Amino acid sequence: MTVTVYSKPSCVQCNATTRALERQGITYTLVDISEDAEAYDLVTGLGYRQVPVVIAGEQHWAGFRPDLIGGLA
């Protein structure tokens, strides 16, 4: 399964999310929406207005969600 984390600089919840993924041994791709207009459009197109946005296979969510991250392991 592909896991992508859409983030921006100095985002506390983004850092917590990537640390939690690393603790679970989950490989992910990090995309900075402040530098990637297509990624920004994707995130807002899904209806999100905050980061991080995590897309993992068919599911996606916003914010630091350790419960959902744990379910990916």
Protein backbone atom coordinates (compact mmCIF):
# COMPACT_ATOMS: atom_id res chain seq x y z
CA MET A 1 0.00 0.00 0.00
CA THR A 2 1.21 3.48 -0.83
CA VAL A 3 1.12 6.03 1.99
CA THR A 4 1.49 9.73 1.21
CA VAL A 5 1.62 12.50 3.80
CA TYR A 6 0.76 15.99 2.56
CA SER A 7 2.43 18.49 4.83
CA LYS A 8 3.83 21.99 5.17
CA PRO A 9 6.88 23.39 7.01
CA SER A 10 6.75 23.89 10.79
CA CYS A 11 3.62 21.75 11.19
CA VAL A 12 3.55 20.08 14.61
CA GLN A 13 0.83 17.58 13.68
CA CYS A 14 2.70 16.72 10.48
CA ASN A 15 5.86 15.96 12.43
CA ALA A 16 3.92 13.82 14.91
CA THR A 17 2.32 11.92 12.04
CA THR A 18 5.60 11.14 10.28
CA ARG A 19 7.23 10.08 13.58
CA ALA A 20 4.30 7.74 14.30
CA LEU A 21 4.54 6.22 10.82
CA GLU A 22 8.27 5.67 11.29
CA ARG A 23 7.71 4.02 14.70
CA GLN A 24 5.27 1.62 13.04
CA GLY A 25 7.80 0.88 10.29
CA ILE A 26 5.51 2.28 7.60
CA THR A 27 7.17 3.68 4.51
CA TYR A 28 5.65 6.92 3.26
CA THR A 29 6.18 9.74 0.79
CA LEU A 30 6.19 13.28 2.15
CA VAL A 31 4.79 16.05 -0.08
CA ASP A 32 5.05 19.73 0.87
CA ILE A 33 1.85 21.43 -0.31
CA SER A 34 3.44 24.87 0.07
CA GLU A 35 5.79 23.98 -2.80
CA ASP A 36 3.55 21.72 -4.91
CA ALA A 37 0.45 23.39 -6.37
CA GLU A 38 -0.96 20.11 -7.73
CA ALA A 39 -0.69 18.53 -4.28
CA TYR A 40 -2.41 21.55 -2.73
CA ASP A 41 -5.23 21.25 -5.27
CA LEU A 42 -5.57 17.53 -4.53
CA VAL A 43 -5.84 18.11 -0.77
CA THR A 44 -8.35 20.93 -1.09
CA GLY A 45 -10.26 18.96 -3.71
CA LEU A 46 -10.75 16.21 -1.13
CA GLY A 47 -12.29 18.84 1.14
CA TYR A 48 -9.41 19.27 3.58
CA ARG A 49 -8.36 22.64 4.93
CA GLN A 50 -5.62 21.50 7.33
CA VAL A 51 -2.53 19.34 7.19
CA PRO A 52 -1.33 16.73 7.52
CA VAL A 53 -3.49 14.88 5.08
CA VAL A 54 -2.63 11.20 4.88
CA ILE A 55 -3.69 9.08 1.92
CA ALA A 56 -3.18 5.38 2.53
CA GLY A 57 -4.58 3.17 -0.19
CA GLU A 58 -8.33 3.82 -0.35
CA GLN A 59 -8.57 5.74 2.93
CA HIS A 60 -7.57 9.29 3.78
CA TRP A 61 -7.78 11.60 6.75
CA ALA A 62 -6.52 14.92 8.10
CA GLY A 63 -4.71 15.65 11.33
CA PHE A 64 -2.63 13.49 13.64
CA ARG A 65 -4.56 10.23 13.95
CA PRO A 66 -2.51 7.62 15.83
CA ASP A 67 -5.55 5.30 15.87
CA LEU A 68 -5.64 5.19 12.07
CA ILE A 69 -1.85 5.03 11.74
CA GLY A 70 -1.83 2.00 14.05
CA GLY A 71 -4.36 0.32 11.79
CA LEU A 72 -1.96 0.56 8.85
CA ALA A 73 0.74 -1.56 10.47
